[in-house]
């Protein structure tokens, strides 16, 4: 929490540490380091001792990559292709849009009172479909994360049993 508070207290133009960026993007630092190896466009400034400092445009780019991978469901290769074809600015703009708060959903009664034109129905159906897709994508990502965690726990349990085996005899 203190890191996030420090992030918000800084000037928008200030550089950020990897821990501040990881907190802001709600992801582990090792993922940011991994992305740095997979996306040549991610180039934080490195000081003595290898400490990384991210510029505001770096944070926007990382947030855009996060959006492509986690919200849009792209693979790393797919996100790399988007960066190649649509450019750094496009992905950074996705990140800036993701940083903004989403518009509040319309109350059900407001939707019910809308004139029932074909265009209105199409928009309402599209929004509902996008919300379902997002929920499914998040549910899928959560399931994948839990499966990875379970596999790691099973592996650690086996190591623990193996370590205890000589002592049991």
N, C-alpha and C. Protein backbone atom coordinates (compact mmCIF):
# COMPACT_ATOMS: atom_id res chain seq x y z
N UNK A 1 0.82 -1.20 0.00
CA UNK A 1 0.00 0.00 0.00
C UNK A 1 0.86 1.26 0.00
N UNK A 2 1.97 1.21 0.77
CA UNK A 2 2.84 2.38 0.84
C UNK A 2 3.44 2.67 -0.52
N UNK A 3 3.76 1.60 -1.27
CA UNK A 3 4.33 1.79 -2.60
C UNK A 3 3.33 2.45 -3.52
N UNK A 4 2.07 2.00 -3.46
CA UNK A 4 1.03 2.59 -4.30
C UNK A 4 0.79 4.05 -3.92
N UNK A 5 0.81 4.35 -2.63
CA UNK A 5 0.64 5.74 -2.19
C UNK A 5 1.78 6.59 -2.71
N UNK A 6 3.01 6.07 -2.66
CA UNK A 6 4.17 6.81 -3.17
C UNK A 6 4.03 7.03 -4.67
N UNK A 7 3.51 6.02 -5.37
CA UNK A 7 3.31 6.12 -6.82
C UNK A 7 2.39 7.29 -7.14
N UNK A 8 1.32 7.40 -6.37
CA UNK A 8 0.33 8.45 -6.64
C UNK A 8 0.81 9.82 -6.21
N UNK A 9 1.72 9.87 -5.21
CA UNK A 9 2.23 11.15 -4.74
C UNK A 9 3.25 11.75 -5.69
N UNK A 10 3.88 10.94 -6.49
CA UNK A 10 4.90 11.43 -7.41
C UNK A 10 4.26 12.23 -8.53
N UNK A 11 5.08 13.06 -9.12
CA UNK A 11 4.67 13.81 -10.29
C UNK A 11 4.37 12.82 -11.43
N UNK A 12 3.41 13.13 -12.29
CA UNK A 12 3.13 12.23 -13.41
C UNK A 12 4.35 11.99 -14.32
N UNK A 13 5.30 12.92 -14.33
CA UNK A 13 6.48 12.78 -15.17
C UNK A 13 7.62 12.04 -14.47
N UNK A 14 7.47 11.73 -13.19
CA UNK A 14 8.54 11.09 -12.42
C UNK A 14 8.78 9.65 -12.87
N UNK A 15 10.01 9.22 -12.72
CA UNK A 15 10.35 7.84 -13.00
C UNK A 15 9.84 6.97 -11.86
N UNK A 16 9.56 5.69 -12.15
CA UNK A 16 9.02 4.76 -11.16
C UNK A 16 9.99 3.58 -11.01
N UNK A 17 10.04 3.04 -9.81
CA UNK A 17 10.84 1.83 -9.59
C UNK A 17 10.01 0.63 -10.04
N UNK A 18 10.67 -0.51 -10.17
CA UNK A 18 9.96 -1.71 -10.60
C UNK A 18 8.89 -2.10 -9.58
N UNK A 19 9.16 -1.88 -8.29
CA UNK A 19 8.15 -2.24 -7.29
C UNK A 19 6.93 -1.34 -7.39
N UNK A 20 7.14 -0.07 -7.70
CA UNK A 20 6.00 0.84 -7.87
C UNK A 20 5.17 0.45 -9.09
N UNK A 21 5.85 0.12 -10.18
CA UNK A 21 5.14 -0.28 -11.41
C UNK A 21 4.40 -1.60 -11.19
N UNK A 22 5.06 -2.55 -10.53
CA UNK A 22 4.43 -3.85 -10.27
C UNK A 22 3.17 -3.66 -9.42
N UNK A 23 3.24 -2.80 -8.43
CA UNK A 23 2.08 -2.53 -7.58
C UNK A 23 0.97 -1.86 -8.38
N UNK A 24 1.34 -0.87 -9.17
CA UNK A 24 0.35 -0.14 -9.97
C UNK A 24 -0.35 -1.07 -10.95
N UNK A 25 0.40 -2.00 -11.57
CA UNK A 25 -0.18 -2.90 -12.56
C UNK A 25 -0.72 -4.19 -11.94
N UNK A 26 -0.54 -4.34 -10.63
CA UNK A 26 -1.02 -5.50 -9.89
C UNK A 26 -0.46 -6.79 -10.49
N UNK A 27 0.87 -6.83 -10.59
CA UNK A 27 1.53 -8.02 -11.10
C UNK A 27 2.91 -8.15 -10.48
N UNK A 28 3.46 -9.35 -10.46
CA UNK A 28 4.77 -9.55 -9.86
C UNK A 28 5.90 -8.89 -10.66
N UNK A 29 6.95 -8.51 -9.96
CA UNK A 29 8.09 -7.87 -10.61
C UNK A 29 8.75 -8.79 -11.64
N UNK A 30 8.77 -10.10 -11.36
CA UNK A 30 9.44 -11.00 -12.30
C UNK A 30 8.73 -11.04 -13.66
N UNK A 31 7.44 -10.77 -13.66
CA UNK A 31 6.71 -10.72 -14.94
C UNK A 31 7.18 -9.52 -15.75
N UNK A 32 7.38 -8.39 -15.08
CA UNK A 32 7.87 -7.19 -15.77
C UNK A 32 9.27 -7.46 -16.36
N UNK A 33 10.11 -8.13 -15.59
CA UNK A 33 11.45 -8.46 -16.10
C UNK A 33 11.36 -9.42 -17.29
N UNK A 34 10.43 -10.38 -17.21
CA UNK A 34 10.23 -11.32 -18.32
C UNK A 34 9.77 -10.58 -19.57
N UNK A 35 8.79 -9.68 -19.39
CA UNK A 35 8.30 -8.92 -20.55
C UNK A 35 9.43 -8.11 -21.17
N UNK A 36 10.31 -7.60 -20.34
CA UNK A 36 11.45 -6.84 -20.85
C UNK A 36 12.29 -7.70 -21.80
N UNK A 37 12.37 -9.01 -21.51
CA UNK A 37 13.13 -9.91 -22.38
C UNK A 37 12.36 -10.28 -23.64
N UNK A 38 11.05 -10.17 -23.61
CA UNK A 38 10.23 -10.58 -24.76
C UNK A 38 9.79 -9.41 -25.64
N UNK A 39 9.75 -8.22 -25.08
CA UNK A 39 9.31 -7.04 -25.82
C UNK A 39 10.47 -6.04 -25.85
N UNK A 40 11.14 -5.96 -26.99
CA UNK A 40 12.31 -5.08 -27.13
C UNK A 40 11.96 -3.62 -26.88
N UNK A 41 10.68 -3.27 -27.04
CA UNK A 41 10.25 -1.89 -26.87
C UNK A 41 10.25 -1.46 -25.39
N UNK A 42 10.24 -2.43 -24.47
CA UNK A 42 10.26 -2.12 -23.04
C UNK A 42 11.72 -1.92 -22.65
N UNK A 43 12.09 -0.67 -22.41
CA UNK A 43 13.48 -0.35 -22.11
C UNK A 43 13.55 0.61 -20.93
N UNK A 44 13.42 0.08 -19.70
CA UNK A 44 13.57 0.98 -18.56
C UNK A 44 15.01 1.48 -18.46
N UNK A 45 15.17 2.63 -17.83
CA UNK A 45 16.50 3.16 -17.59
C UNK A 45 17.11 2.32 -16.47
N UNK A 46 18.36 1.90 -16.64
CA UNK A 46 19.02 1.11 -15.61
C UNK A 46 20.16 1.92 -15.01
N UNK A 47 20.13 2.01 -13.70
CA UNK A 47 21.17 2.73 -12.96
C UNK A 47 22.21 1.74 -12.44
N UNK A 48 23.15 2.25 -11.71
CA UNK A 48 24.19 1.40 -11.12
C UNK A 48 23.55 0.27 -10.34
N UNK A 49 24.11 -0.90 -10.47
CA UNK A 49 23.56 -2.06 -9.77
C UNK A 49 22.38 -2.67 -10.51
N UNK A 50 22.05 -2.17 -11.69
CA UNK A 50 20.97 -2.75 -12.48
C UNK A 50 19.57 -2.34 -12.05
N UNK A 51 19.45 -1.36 -11.16
CA UNK A 51 18.13 -0.93 -10.70
C UNK A 51 17.38 -0.26 -11.85
N UNK A 52 16.13 -0.70 -12.05
CA UNK A 52 15.33 -0.22 -13.16
C UNK A 52 14.48 0.99 -12.74
N UNK A 53 14.39 1.94 -13.66
CA UNK A 53 13.50 3.09 -13.48
C UNK A 53 12.65 3.22 -14.74
N UNK A 54 11.36 3.26 -14.55
CA UNK A 54 10.42 3.31 -15.67
C UNK A 54 9.90 4.72 -15.87
N UNK A 55 9.96 5.18 -17.11
CA UNK A 55 9.39 6.47 -17.48
C UNK A 55 7.87 6.31 -17.60
N UNK A 56 7.13 7.41 -17.57
CA UNK A 56 5.67 7.31 -17.71
C UNK A 56 5.25 6.57 -18.99
N UNK A 57 5.98 6.80 -20.08
CA UNK A 57 5.63 6.11 -21.34
C UNK A 57 5.92 4.61 -21.24
N UNK A 58 6.92 4.22 -20.43
CA UNK A 58 7.19 2.79 -20.20
C UNK A 58 6.01 2.15 -19.46
N UNK A 59 5.49 2.87 -18.46
CA UNK A 59 4.36 2.35 -17.68
C UNK A 59 3.13 2.21 -18.58
N UNK A 60 2.90 3.20 -19.45
CA UNK A 60 1.76 3.11 -20.39
C UNK A 60 1.92 1.91 -21.30
N UNK A 61 3.14 1.69 -21.80
CA UNK A 61 3.39 0.55 -22.69
C UNK A 61 3.16 -0.76 -21.95
N UNK A 62 3.68 -0.88 -20.73
CA UNK A 62 3.48 -2.10 -19.95
C UNK A 62 2.01 -2.33 -19.66
N UNK A 63 1.28 -1.27 -19.36
CA UNK A 63 -0.15 -1.41 -19.11
C UNK A 63 -0.87 -1.84 -20.39
N UNK A 64 -0.41 -1.33 -21.54
CA UNK A 64 -0.98 -1.75 -22.82
C UNK A 64 -0.70 -3.21 -23.11
N UNK A 65 0.52 -3.65 -22.83
CA UNK A 65 0.87 -5.07 -23.03
C UNK A 65 0.02 -5.93 -22.11
N UNK A 66 -0.14 -5.47 -20.87
CA UNK A 66 -0.98 -6.21 -19.91
C UNK A 66 -2.42 -6.31 -20.44
N UNK A 67 -2.92 -5.24 -21.00
CA UNK A 67 -4.27 -5.25 -21.57
C UNK A 67 -4.36 -6.26 -22.71
N UNK A 68 -3.38 -6.25 -23.61
CA UNK A 68 -3.39 -7.19 -24.73
C UNK A 68 -3.36 -8.64 -24.24
N UNK A 69 -2.50 -8.92 -23.27
CA UNK A 69 -2.34 -10.30 -22.81
C UNK A 69 -3.48 -10.77 -21.93
N UNK A 70 -3.87 -9.97 -20.94
CA UNK A 70 -4.82 -10.44 -19.94
C UNK A 70 -6.27 -10.09 -20.24
N UNK A 71 -6.49 -8.95 -20.85
CA UNK A 71 -7.87 -8.56 -21.13
C UNK A 71 -8.31 -8.99 -22.52
N UNK A 72 -7.41 -8.82 -23.49
CA UNK A 72 -7.76 -9.15 -24.87
C UNK A 72 -7.45 -10.61 -25.23
N UNK A 73 -6.67 -11.29 -24.40
CA UNK A 73 -6.40 -12.71 -24.60
C UNK A 73 -5.33 -13.03 -25.63
N UNK A 74 -4.48 -12.06 -25.97
CA UNK A 74 -3.40 -12.32 -26.92
C UNK A 74 -2.33 -13.18 -26.27
N UNK A 75 -1.63 -13.94 -27.10
CA UNK A 75 -0.41 -14.61 -26.64
C UNK A 75 0.71 -13.58 -26.70
N UNK A 76 1.88 -13.94 -26.20
CA UNK A 76 3.02 -13.02 -26.29
C UNK A 76 3.35 -12.75 -27.75
N UNK A 77 3.35 -13.79 -28.57
CA UNK A 77 3.62 -13.58 -30.00
C UNK A 77 2.58 -12.68 -30.64
N UNK A 78 1.32 -12.85 -30.25
CA UNK A 78 0.25 -12.01 -30.77
C UNK A 78 0.44 -10.56 -30.36
N UNK A 79 0.81 -10.34 -29.11
CA UNK A 79 1.05 -8.97 -28.63
C UNK A 79 2.26 -8.36 -29.34
N UNK A 80 3.29 -9.17 -29.59
CA UNK A 80 4.45 -8.69 -30.33
C UNK A 80 4.04 -8.27 -31.74
N UNK A 81 3.15 -9.03 -32.34
CA UNK A 81 2.67 -8.72 -33.69
C UNK A 81 1.89 -7.40 -33.69
N UNK A 82 1.05 -7.21 -32.67
CA UNK A 82 0.31 -5.94 -32.57
C UNK A 82 1.29 -4.78 -32.45
N UNK A 83 2.32 -4.94 -31.65
CA UNK A 83 3.34 -3.89 -31.50
C UNK A 83 4.03 -3.61 -32.84
N UNK A 84 4.36 -4.66 -33.58
CA UNK A 84 5.01 -4.48 -34.88
C UNK A 84 4.09 -3.79 -35.88
N UNK A 85 2.84 -4.26 -35.94
CA UNK A 85 1.93 -3.78 -36.98
C UNK A 85 1.27 -2.45 -36.64
N UNK A 86 0.88 -2.27 -35.39
CA UNK A 86 0.16 -1.05 -35.03
C UNK A 86 1.03 -0.03 -34.31
N UNK A 87 2.17 -0.48 -33.81
CA UNK A 87 3.14 0.43 -33.24
C UNK A 87 3.04 0.63 -31.74
N UNK A 88 4.12 1.19 -31.25
CA UNK A 88 4.28 1.47 -29.83
C UNK A 88 3.21 2.42 -29.32
N UNK A 89 2.91 3.44 -30.08
CA UNK A 89 1.92 4.44 -29.65
C UNK A 89 0.55 3.82 -29.45
N UNK A 90 0.17 2.92 -30.35
CA UNK A 90 -1.13 2.26 -30.24
C UNK A 90 -1.24 1.47 -28.94
N UNK A 91 -0.21 0.68 -28.64
CA UNK A 91 -0.23 -0.15 -27.43
C UNK A 91 -0.16 0.72 -26.18
N UNK A 92 0.65 1.78 -26.22
CA UNK A 92 0.72 2.70 -25.08
C UNK A 92 -0.63 3.39 -24.87
N UNK A 93 -1.31 3.70 -25.96
CA UNK A 93 -2.64 4.32 -25.84
C UNK A 93 -3.63 3.34 -25.20
N UNK A 94 -3.52 2.06 -25.55
CA UNK A 94 -4.35 1.05 -24.87
C UNK A 94 -4.10 1.09 -23.37
N UNK A 95 -2.83 1.25 -23.01
CA UNK A 95 -2.47 1.34 -21.60
C UNK A 95 -3.04 2.56 -20.93
N UNK A 96 -2.99 3.69 -21.62
CA UNK A 96 -3.57 4.92 -21.05
C UNK A 96 -5.07 4.79 -20.90
N UNK A 97 -5.71 4.16 -21.87
CA UNK A 97 -7.17 3.95 -21.78
C UNK A 97 -7.50 3.00 -20.63
N UNK A 98 -6.68 1.98 -20.44
CA UNK A 98 -6.91 1.02 -19.36
C UNK A 98 -6.73 1.67 -18.00
N UNK A 99 -5.88 2.69 -17.93
CA UNK A 99 -5.64 3.38 -16.65
C UNK A 99 -6.84 4.21 -16.23
N UNK A 100 -7.61 4.69 -17.21
CA UNK A 100 -8.80 5.48 -16.89
C UNK A 100 -9.88 4.59 -16.32
N UNK A 101 -10.74 5.19 -15.54
CA UNK A 101 -11.83 4.38 -14.99
C UNK A 101 -12.86 4.12 -16.07
N UNK A 102 -13.40 2.91 -16.10
CA UNK A 102 -14.39 2.60 -17.11
C UNK A 102 -15.66 3.39 -16.86
N UNK A 103 -16.42 3.67 -17.91
CA UNK A 103 -17.66 4.41 -17.71
C UNK A 103 -18.63 3.58 -16.87
N UNK A 104 -19.39 4.28 -16.08
CA UNK A 104 -20.37 3.58 -15.23
C UNK A 104 -21.44 2.95 -16.12
N UNK A 105 -21.88 1.73 -15.78
CA UNK A 105 -22.91 1.09 -16.59
C UNK A 105 -24.23 1.85 -16.45
N UNK A 106 -25.00 1.81 -17.50
CA UNK A 106 -26.32 2.45 -17.46
C UNK A 106 -27.25 1.67 -16.54
N UNK A 107 -28.08 2.37 -15.78
CA UNK A 107 -29.07 1.65 -14.98
C UNK A 107 -30.02 0.88 -15.89
N UNK A 108 -30.52 -0.23 -15.39
CA UNK A 108 -31.41 -1.08 -16.19
C UNK A 108 -32.63 -0.30 -16.67
N UNK A 109 -33.16 0.58 -15.82
CA UNK A 109 -34.36 1.34 -16.24
C UNK A 109 -34.04 2.30 -17.38
N UNK A 110 -32.80 2.84 -17.42
CA UNK A 110 -32.43 3.73 -18.52
C UNK A 110 -32.34 2.94 -19.82
N UNK A 111 -31.79 1.74 -19.74
CA UNK A 111 -31.71 0.89 -20.93
C UNK A 111 -33.11 0.51 -21.38
N UNK A 112 -34.00 0.22 -20.43
CA UNK A 112 -35.37 -0.17 -20.76
C UNK A 112 -36.12 0.95 -21.45
N UNK A 113 -35.80 2.22 -21.10
CA UNK A 113 -36.49 3.36 -21.67
C UNK A 113 -35.92 3.82 -23.00
N UNK A 114 -34.81 3.25 -23.42
CA UNK A 114 -34.20 3.65 -24.69
C UNK A 114 -35.12 3.26 -25.84
N UNK A 115 -35.17 4.10 -26.85
CA UNK A 115 -35.94 3.70 -28.03
C UNK A 115 -35.34 2.43 -28.62
N UNK A 116 -36.20 1.54 -29.05
CA UNK A 116 -35.73 0.25 -29.55
C UNK A 116 -35.45 0.29 -31.04
N UNK A 117 -34.42 1.03 -31.39
CA UNK A 117 -34.00 1.03 -32.79
C UNK A 117 -33.01 -0.11 -32.98
N UNK A 118 -32.77 -0.45 -34.19
CA UNK A 118 -31.82 -1.52 -34.49
C UNK A 118 -30.43 -1.16 -33.97
N UNK A 119 -30.03 0.11 -34.14
CA UNK A 119 -28.71 0.55 -33.68
C UNK A 119 -28.59 0.44 -32.17
N UNK A 120 -29.63 0.83 -31.45
CA UNK A 120 -29.60 0.75 -29.99
C UNK A 120 -29.47 -0.69 -29.54
N UNK A 121 -30.25 -1.56 -30.13
CA UNK A 121 -30.17 -2.97 -29.75
C UNK A 121 -28.79 -3.54 -30.04
N UNK A 122 -28.21 -3.14 -31.16
CA UNK A 122 -26.88 -3.62 -31.51
C UNK A 122 -25.86 -3.16 -30.47
N UNK A 123 -25.93 -1.90 -30.05
CA UNK A 123 -24.99 -1.38 -29.05
C UNK A 123 -25.18 -2.10 -27.73
N UNK A 124 -26.41 -2.27 -27.27
CA UNK A 124 -26.69 -2.94 -26.01
C UNK A 124 -26.21 -4.38 -26.07
N UNK A 125 -26.48 -5.06 -27.18
CA UNK A 125 -26.03 -6.45 -27.33
C UNK A 125 -24.51 -6.53 -27.37
N UNK A 126 -23.86 -5.59 -28.03
CA UNK A 126 -22.40 -5.59 -28.12
C UNK A 126 -21.77 -5.37 -26.75
N UNK A 127 -22.30 -4.42 -25.98
CA UNK A 127 -21.78 -4.16 -24.64
C UNK A 127 -21.96 -5.40 -23.76
N UNK A 128 -23.13 -6.01 -23.82
CA UNK A 128 -23.37 -7.21 -23.02
C UNK A 128 -22.42 -8.33 -23.42
N UNK A 129 -22.18 -8.48 -24.71
CA UNK A 129 -21.26 -9.51 -25.20
C UNK A 129 -19.83 -9.23 -24.72
N UNK A 130 -19.41 -7.96 -24.78
CA UNK A 130 -18.07 -7.60 -24.32
C UNK A 130 -17.91 -7.87 -22.83
N UNK A 131 -18.95 -7.58 -22.04
CA UNK A 131 -18.90 -7.86 -20.60
C UNK A 131 -18.79 -9.36 -20.34
N UNK A 132 -19.52 -10.18 -21.10
CA UNK A 132 -19.43 -11.63 -20.95
C UNK A 132 -18.03 -12.12 -21.33
N UNK A 133 -17.47 -11.58 -22.43
CA UNK A 133 -16.14 -11.98 -22.87
C UNK A 133 -15.08 -11.62 -21.82
N UNK A 134 -15.20 -10.43 -21.25
CA UNK A 134 -14.25 -9.99 -20.23
C UNK A 134 -14.34 -10.89 -19.01
N UNK A 135 -15.56 -11.20 -18.57
CA UNK A 135 -15.74 -12.07 -17.40
C UNK A 135 -15.15 -13.46 -17.68
N UNK A 136 -15.37 -13.97 -18.89
CA UNK A 136 -14.84 -15.29 -19.25
C UNK A 136 -13.31 -15.25 -19.29
N UNK A 137 -12.75 -14.17 -19.83
CA UNK A 137 -11.30 -14.03 -19.92
C UNK A 137 -10.69 -13.97 -18.53
N UNK A 138 -11.29 -13.18 -17.64
CA UNK A 138 -10.78 -13.09 -16.27
C UNK A 138 -10.92 -14.42 -15.56
N UNK A 139 -12.05 -15.09 -15.75
CA UNK A 139 -12.26 -16.39 -15.12
C UNK A 139 -11.22 -17.39 -15.63
N UNK A 140 -10.94 -17.36 -16.92
CA UNK A 140 -9.94 -18.26 -17.50
C UNK A 140 -8.57 -17.97 -16.92
N UNK A 141 -8.18 -16.69 -16.84
CA UNK A 141 -6.87 -16.32 -16.32
C UNK A 141 -6.75 -16.74 -14.85
N UNK A 142 -7.82 -16.55 -14.09
CA UNK A 142 -7.80 -16.95 -12.68
C UNK A 142 -7.64 -18.47 -12.56
N UNK A 143 -8.34 -19.22 -13.41
CA UNK A 143 -8.24 -20.68 -13.40
C UNK A 143 -6.82 -21.12 -13.74
N UNK A 144 -6.21 -20.49 -14.75
CA UNK A 144 -4.84 -20.81 -15.14
C UNK A 144 -3.89 -20.53 -13.98
N UNK A 145 -4.05 -19.37 -13.34
CA UNK A 145 -3.19 -19.02 -12.21
C UNK A 145 -3.35 -20.03 -11.08
N UNK A 146 -4.57 -20.45 -10.80
CA UNK A 146 -4.81 -21.43 -9.74
C UNK A 146 -4.22 -22.79 -10.10
N UNK A 147 -4.31 -23.18 -11.37
CA UNK A 147 -3.73 -24.46 -11.80
C UNK A 147 -2.21 -24.44 -11.66
N UNK A 148 -1.59 -23.32 -11.98
CA UNK A 148 -0.14 -23.19 -11.83
C UNK A 148 0.22 -23.29 -10.34
N UNK A 149 -0.54 -22.60 -9.52
CA UNK A 149 -0.30 -22.64 -8.08
C UNK A 149 -0.47 -24.05 -7.53
N UNK A 150 -1.51 -24.75 -7.96
CA UNK A 150 -1.74 -26.11 -7.51
C UNK A 150 -0.58 -27.03 -7.92
N UNK A 151 -0.12 -26.89 -9.15
CA UNK A 151 1.01 -27.72 -9.62
C UNK A 151 2.25 -27.44 -8.78
N UNK A 152 2.48 -26.19 -8.46
CA UNK A 152 3.63 -25.84 -7.62
C UNK A 152 3.48 -26.42 -6.22
N UNK A 153 2.30 -26.37 -5.64
CA UNK A 153 2.06 -26.94 -4.32
C UNK A 153 2.26 -28.46 -4.32
N UNK A 154 1.78 -29.13 -5.37
CA UNK A 154 1.96 -30.58 -5.48
C UNK A 154 3.45 -30.91 -5.57
N UNK A 155 4.19 -30.13 -6.35
CA UNK A 155 5.63 -30.34 -6.49
C UNK A 155 6.34 -30.14 -5.14
N UNK A 156 5.96 -29.10 -4.43
CA UNK A 156 6.57 -28.84 -3.13
C UNK A 156 6.21 -29.92 -2.10
N UNK A 157 4.98 -30.41 -2.17
CA UNK A 157 4.56 -31.49 -1.27
C UNK A 157 5.41 -32.74 -1.52
N UNK A 158 5.67 -33.07 -2.78
CA UNK A 158 6.49 -34.22 -3.12
C UNK A 158 7.92 -34.03 -2.61
N UNK A 159 8.45 -32.83 -2.73
CA UNK A 159 9.81 -32.56 -2.22
C UNK A 159 9.85 -32.68 -0.71
N UNK A 160 8.81 -32.21 -0.05
CA UNK A 160 8.74 -32.30 1.41
C UNK A 160 8.69 -33.76 1.85
N UNK A 161 7.87 -34.55 1.18
CA UNK A 161 7.79 -35.99 1.49
C UNK A 161 9.14 -36.67 1.27
N UNK A 162 9.79 -36.33 0.16
CA UNK A 162 11.10 -36.92 -0.15
C UNK A 162 12.13 -36.52 0.91
N UNK A 163 12.05 -35.29 1.39
CA UNK A 163 13.00 -34.83 2.40
C UNK A 163 12.75 -35.52 3.74
N UNK A 164 11.50 -35.85 4.03
CA UNK A 164 11.15 -36.50 5.29
C UNK A 164 11.41 -38.02 5.24
N UNK A 165 11.42 -38.62 4.08
CA UNK A 165 11.53 -40.08 3.93
C UNK A 165 12.77 -40.65 4.62
N UNK A 166 13.97 -40.11 4.47
CA UNK A 166 15.13 -40.68 5.14
C UNK A 166 15.00 -40.63 6.68
N UNK A 167 14.30 -39.64 7.19
CA UNK A 167 14.15 -39.46 8.63
C UNK A 167 13.12 -40.43 9.21
N UNK A 168 12.21 -40.90 8.40
CA UNK A 168 11.14 -41.80 8.87
C UNK A 168 11.67 -43.20 9.14
N UNK A 169 12.76 -43.61 8.46
CA UNK A 169 13.28 -44.96 8.59
C UNK A 169 14.07 -45.19 9.84
